[in-house]
């Protein structure tokens, strides 16, 4: 259950981090950098068996 919720949230974050919309063109690497950190943390937790 928790894995499914995390997967849905991760997909929504991926869609939101794409700088395709005009209002997000000036954001730079901020959203994708934060998303990268979240993905790395989730990967570490998955490999350690915490999720």
PDB file of N, CA and C in Angstrom:
ATOM      1  N   UNK A   1       0.829  -1.194   0.000  1.00  0.00           N
ATOM      2  CA  UNK A   1       0.000   0.000   0.000  1.00  0.00           C
ATOM      3  C   UNK A   1       0.869   1.252   0.000  1.00  0.00           C
ATOM      4  N   UNK A   2       1.861   1.306   0.874  1.00  0.00           N
ATOM      5  CA  UNK A   2       2.723   2.474   0.957  1.00  0.00           C
ATOM      6  C   UNK A   2       3.535   2.643  -0.322  1.00  0.00           C
ATOM      7  N   UNK A   3       3.963   1.540  -0.907  1.00  0.00           N
ATOM      8  CA  UNK A   3       4.733   1.595  -2.145  1.00  0.00           C
ATOM      9  C   UNK A   3       3.917   2.177  -3.291  1.00  0.00           C
ATOM     10  N   UNK A   4       2.643   1.820  -3.350  1.00  0.00           N
ATOM     11  CA  UNK A   4       1.770   2.344  -4.397  1.00  0.00           C
ATOM     12  C   UNK A   4       1.560   3.839  -4.237  1.00  0.00           C
ATOM     13  N   UNK A   5       1.346   4.279  -3.022  1.00  0.00           N
ATOM     14  CA  UNK A   5       1.165   5.704  -2.758  1.00  0.00           C
ATOM     15  C   UNK A   5       2.434   6.469  -3.117  1.00  0.00           C
ATOM     16  N   UNK A   6       3.593   5.946  -2.743  1.00  0.00           N
ATOM     17  CA  UNK A   6       4.845   6.609  -3.072  1.00  0.00           C
ATOM     18  C   UNK A   6       5.076   6.652  -4.573  1.00  0.00           C
ATOM     19  N   UNK A   7       4.693   5.610  -5.282  1.00  0.00           N
ATOM     20  CA  UNK A   7       4.843   5.576  -6.731  1.00  0.00           C
ATOM     21  C   UNK A   7       3.965   6.630  -7.401  1.00  0.00           C
ATOM     22  N   UNK A   8       2.735   6.776  -6.944  1.00  0.00           N
ATOM     23  CA  UNK A   8       1.828   7.776  -7.502  1.00  0.00           C
ATOM     24  C   UNK A   8       2.363   9.180  -7.232  1.00  0.00           C
ATOM     25  N   UNK A   9       2.832   9.433  -6.030  1.00  0.00           N
ATOM     26  CA  UNK A   9       3.391  10.738  -5.687  1.00  0.00           C
ATOM     27  C   UNK A   9       4.628  11.024  -6.522  1.00  0.00           C
ATOM     28  N   UNK A  10       5.465  10.026  -6.727  1.00  0.00           N
ATOM     29  CA  UNK A  10       6.670  10.188  -7.526  1.00  0.00           C
ATOM     30  C   UNK A  10       6.339  10.512  -8.981  1.00  0.00           C
ATOM     31  N   UNK A  11       5.334   9.860  -9.533  1.00  0.00           N
ATOM     32  CA  UNK A  11       4.922  10.141 -10.913  1.00  0.00           C
ATOM     33  C   UNK A  11       4.377  11.561 -11.027  1.00  0.00           C
ATOM     34  N   UNK A  12       3.584  11.992 -10.059  1.00  0.00           N
ATOM     35  CA  UNK A  12       3.066  13.358 -10.077  1.00  0.00           C
ATOM     36  C   UNK A  12       4.186  14.380  -9.965  1.00  0.00           C
ATOM     37  N   UNK A  13       5.188  14.102  -9.152  1.00  0.00           N
ATOM     38  CA  UNK A  13       6.328  15.005  -9.037  1.00  0.00           C
ATOM     39  C   UNK A  13       7.124  15.056 -10.334  1.00  0.00           C
ATOM     40  N   UNK A  14       7.276  13.928 -11.000  1.00  0.00           N
ATOM     41  CA  UNK A  14       7.969  13.904 -12.286  1.00  0.00           C
ATOM     42  C   UNK A  14       7.251  14.763 -13.318  1.00  0.00           C
ATOM     43  N   UNK A  15       5.943  14.660 -13.366  1.00  0.00           N
ATOM     44  CA  UNK A  15       5.169  15.468 -14.307  1.00  0.00           C
ATOM     45  C   UNK A  15       5.270  16.952 -13.946  1.00  0.00           C
ATOM     46  N   UNK A  16       5.251  17.261 -12.672  1.00  0.00           N
ATOM     47  CA  UNK A  16       5.327  18.656 -12.240  1.00  0.00           C
ATOM     48  C   UNK A  16       6.698  19.274 -12.405  1.00  0.00           C
ATOM     49  N   UNK A  17       7.748  18.467 -12.456  1.00  0.00           N
ATOM     50  CA  UNK A  17       9.105  18.997 -12.570  1.00  0.00           C
ATOM     51  C   UNK A  17       9.515  19.285 -13.998  1.00  0.00           C
ATOM     52  N   UNK A  18       8.731  18.841 -14.972  1.00  0.00           N
ATOM     53  CA  UNK A  18       9.066  19.084 -16.373  1.00  0.00           C
ATOM     54  C   UNK A  18       8.842  20.566 -16.689  1.00  0.00           C
ATOM     55  N   UNK A  19       9.873  21.260 -17.160  1.00  0.00           N
ATOM     56  CA  UNK A  19       9.721  22.718 -17.422  1.00  0.00           C
ATOM     57  C   UNK A  19       9.059  22.997 -18.774  1.00  0.00           C
ATOM     58  N   UNK A  20       7.909  22.384 -19.027  1.00  0.00           N
ATOM     59  CA  UNK A  20       7.224  22.562 -20.303  1.00  0.00           C
ATOM     60  C   UNK A  20       6.224  23.717 -20.269  1.00  0.00           C
ATOM     61  N   UNK A  21       5.827  24.139 -19.097  1.00  0.00           N
ATOM     62  CA  UNK A  21       4.843  25.183 -18.987  1.00  0.00           C
ATOM     63  C   UNK A  21       5.535  26.535 -18.823  1.00  0.00           C
ATOM     64  N   UNK A  22       4.956  27.593 -19.346  1.00  0.00           N
ATOM     65  CA  UNK A  22       5.620  28.915 -19.330  1.00  0.00           C
ATOM     66  C   UNK A  22       5.951  29.421 -17.929  1.00  0.00           C
ATOM     67  N   UNK A  23       5.104  29.146 -16.963  1.00  0.00           N
ATOM     68  CA  UNK A  23       5.364  29.677 -15.626  1.00  0.00           C
ATOM     69  C   UNK A  23       6.530  28.978 -14.943  1.00  0.00           C
ATOM     70  N   UNK A  24       6.922  27.795 -15.417  1.00  0.00           N
ATOM     71  CA  UNK A  24       8.009  27.076 -14.762  1.00  0.00           C
ATOM     72  C   UNK A  24       9.325  27.162 -15.525  1.00  0.00           C
ATOM     73  N   UNK A  25       9.380  27.961 -16.569  1.00  0.00           N
ATOM     74  CA  UNK A  25      10.598  28.055 -17.384  1.00  0.00           C
ATOM     75  C   UNK A  25      11.747  28.696 -16.615  1.00  0.00           C
ATOM     76  N   UNK A  26      11.460  29.575 -15.689  1.00  0.00           N
ATOM     77  CA  UNK A  26      12.512  30.289 -14.960  1.00  0.00           C
ATOM     78  C   UNK A  26      12.915  29.606 -13.661  1.00  0.00           C
ATOM     79  N   UNK A  27      12.378  28.446 -13.382  1.00  0.00           N
ATOM     80  CA  UNK A  27      12.689  27.767 -12.126  1.00  0.00           C
ATOM     81  C   UNK A  27      14.072  27.153 -12.117  1.00  0.00           C
ATOM     82  N   UNK A  28      14.628  26.862 -13.278  1.00  0.00           N
ATOM     83  CA  UNK A  28      15.956  26.270 -13.346  1.00  0.00           C
ATOM     84  C   UNK A  28      15.944  24.810 -12.939  1.00  0.00           C
ATOM     85  N   UNK A  29      17.009  24.402 -12.235  1.00  0.00           N
ATOM     86  CA  UNK A  29      17.159  22.995 -11.861  1.00  0.00           C
ATOM     87  C   UNK A  29      16.540  22.672 -10.495  1.00  0.00           C
ATOM     88  N   UNK A  30      15.889  23.599  -9.876  1.00  0.00           N
ATOM     89  CA  UNK A  30      15.344  23.397  -8.538  1.00  0.00           C
ATOM     90  C   UNK A  30      14.416  22.210  -8.395  1.00  0.00           C
ATOM     91  N   UNK A  31      13.309  22.169  -9.138  1.00  0.00           N
ATOM     92  CA  UNK A  31      12.368  21.051  -8.974  1.00  0.00           C
ATOM     93  C   UNK A  31      12.960  19.695  -9.322  1.00  0.00           C
ATOM     94  N   UNK A  32      13.740  19.636 -10.387  1.00  0.00           N
ATOM     95  CA  UNK A  32      14.307  18.337 -10.765  1.00  0.00           C
ATOM     96  C   UNK A  32      15.405  17.917  -9.802  1.00  0.00           C
ATOM     97  N   UNK A  33      16.116  18.867  -9.207  1.00  0.00           N
ATOM     98  CA  UNK A  33      17.131  18.530  -8.210  1.00  0.00           C
ATOM     99  C   UNK A  33      16.516  17.973  -6.945  1.00  0.00           C
ATOM    100  N   UNK A  34      15.446  18.589  -6.495  1.00  0.00           N
ATOM    101  CA  UNK A  34      14.735  18.108  -5.309  1.00  0.00           C
ATOM    102  C   UNK A  34      14.137  16.731  -5.587  1.00  0.00           C
ATOM    103  N   UNK A  35      13.597  16.570  -6.787  1.00  0.00           N
ATOM    104  CA  UNK A  35      13.032  15.279  -7.166  1.00  0.00           C
ATOM    105  C   UNK A  35      14.108  14.203  -7.214  1.00  0.00           C
ATOM    106  N   UNK A  36      15.297  14.559  -7.682  1.00  0.00           N
ATOM    107  CA  UNK A  36      16.406  13.604  -7.704  1.00  0.00           C
ATOM    108  C   UNK A  36      16.790  13.144  -6.317  1.00  0.00           C
ATOM    109  N   UNK A  37      16.808  14.069  -5.364  1.00  0.00           N
ATOM    110  CA  UNK A  37      17.127  13.721  -3.981  1.00  0.00           C
ATOM    111  C   UNK A  37      16.056  12.784  -3.410  1.00  0.00           C
ATOM    112  N   UNK A  38      14.794  13.065  -3.706  1.00  0.00           N
ATOM    113  CA  UNK A  38      13.702  12.206  -3.228  1.00  0.00           C
ATOM    114  C   UNK A  38      13.832  10.800  -3.814  1.00  0.00           C
ATOM    115  N   UNK A  39      14.165  10.714  -5.104  1.00  0.00           N
ATOM    116  CA  UNK A  39      14.320   9.408  -5.743  1.00  0.00           C
ATOM    117  C   UNK A  39      15.477   8.636  -5.125  1.00  0.00           C
ATOM    118  N   UNK A  40      16.591   9.321  -4.857  1.00  0.00           N
ATOM    119  CA  UNK A  40      17.743   8.648  -4.243  1.00  0.00           C
ATOM    120  C   UNK A  40      17.392   8.147  -2.848  1.00  0.00           C
ATOM    121  N   UNK A  41      16.704   8.946  -2.060  1.00  0.00           N
ATOM    122  CA  UNK A  41      16.309   8.527  -0.711  1.00  0.00           C
ATOM    123  C   UNK A  41      15.373   7.324  -0.776  1.00  0.00           C
ATOM    124  N   UNK A  42      14.397   7.357  -1.702  1.00  0.00           N
ATOM    125  CA  UNK A  42      13.483   6.231  -1.844  1.00  0.00           C
ATOM    126  C   UNK A  42      14.213   4.976  -2.290  1.00  0.00           C
ATOM    127  N   UNK A  43      15.188   5.121  -3.177  1.00  0.00           N
ATOM    128  CA  UNK A  43      15.971   3.973  -3.624  1.00  0.00           C
ATOM    129  C   UNK A  43      16.761   3.363  -2.481  1.00  0.00           C
ATOM    130  N   UNK A  44      17.382   4.203  -1.662  1.00  0.00           N
ATOM    131  CA  UNK A  44      18.142   3.703  -0.517  1.00  0.00           C
ATOM    132  C   UNK A  44      17.223   2.979   0.458  1.00  0.00           C
ATOM    133  N   UNK A  45      16.058   3.571   0.747  1.00  0.00           N
ATOM    134  CA  UNK A  45      15.118   2.930   1.658  1.00  0.00           C
ATOM    135  C   UNK A  45      14.599   1.611   1.081  1.00  0.00           C
ATOM    136  N   UNK A  46      14.393   1.562  -0.232  1.00  0.00           N
ATOM    137  CA  UNK A  46      13.934   0.337  -0.866  1.00  0.00           C
ATOM    138  C   UNK A  46      14.986  -0.749  -0.781  1.00  0.00           C
ATOM    139  N   UNK A  47      16.244  -0.395  -1.010  1.00  0.00           N
ATOM    140  CA  UNK A  47      17.312  -1.376  -0.959  1.00  0.00           C
ATOM    141  C   UNK A  47      17.583  -1.863   0.463  1.00  0.00           C
ATOM    142  N   UNK A  48      17.320  -1.011   1.453  1.00  0.00           N
ATOM    143  CA  UNK A  48      17.508  -1.411   2.841  1.00  0.00           C
ATOM    144  C   UNK A  48      16.316  -2.216   3.361  1.00  0.00           C
ATOM    145  N   UNK A  49      15.241  -2.274   2.596  1.00  0.00           N
ATOM    146  CA  UNK A  49      14.067  -3.045   3.001  1.00  0.00           C
ATOM    147  C   UNK A  49      13.148  -2.298   3.938  1.00  0.00           C
ATOM    148  N   UNK A  50      13.242  -1.001   3.967  1.00  0.00           N
ATOM    149  CA  UNK A  50      12.370  -0.206   4.867  1.00  0.00           C
ATOM    150  C   UNK A  50      11.021   0.105   4.255  1.00  0.00           C
ATOM    151  N   UNK A  51      10.905  -0.069   2.951  1.00  0.00           N
ATOM    152  CA  UNK A  51       9.626   0.225   2.273  1.00  0.00           C
ATOM    153  C   UNK A  51       9.036  -1.087   1.805  1.00  0.00           C
TER     154      UNK A  51
END
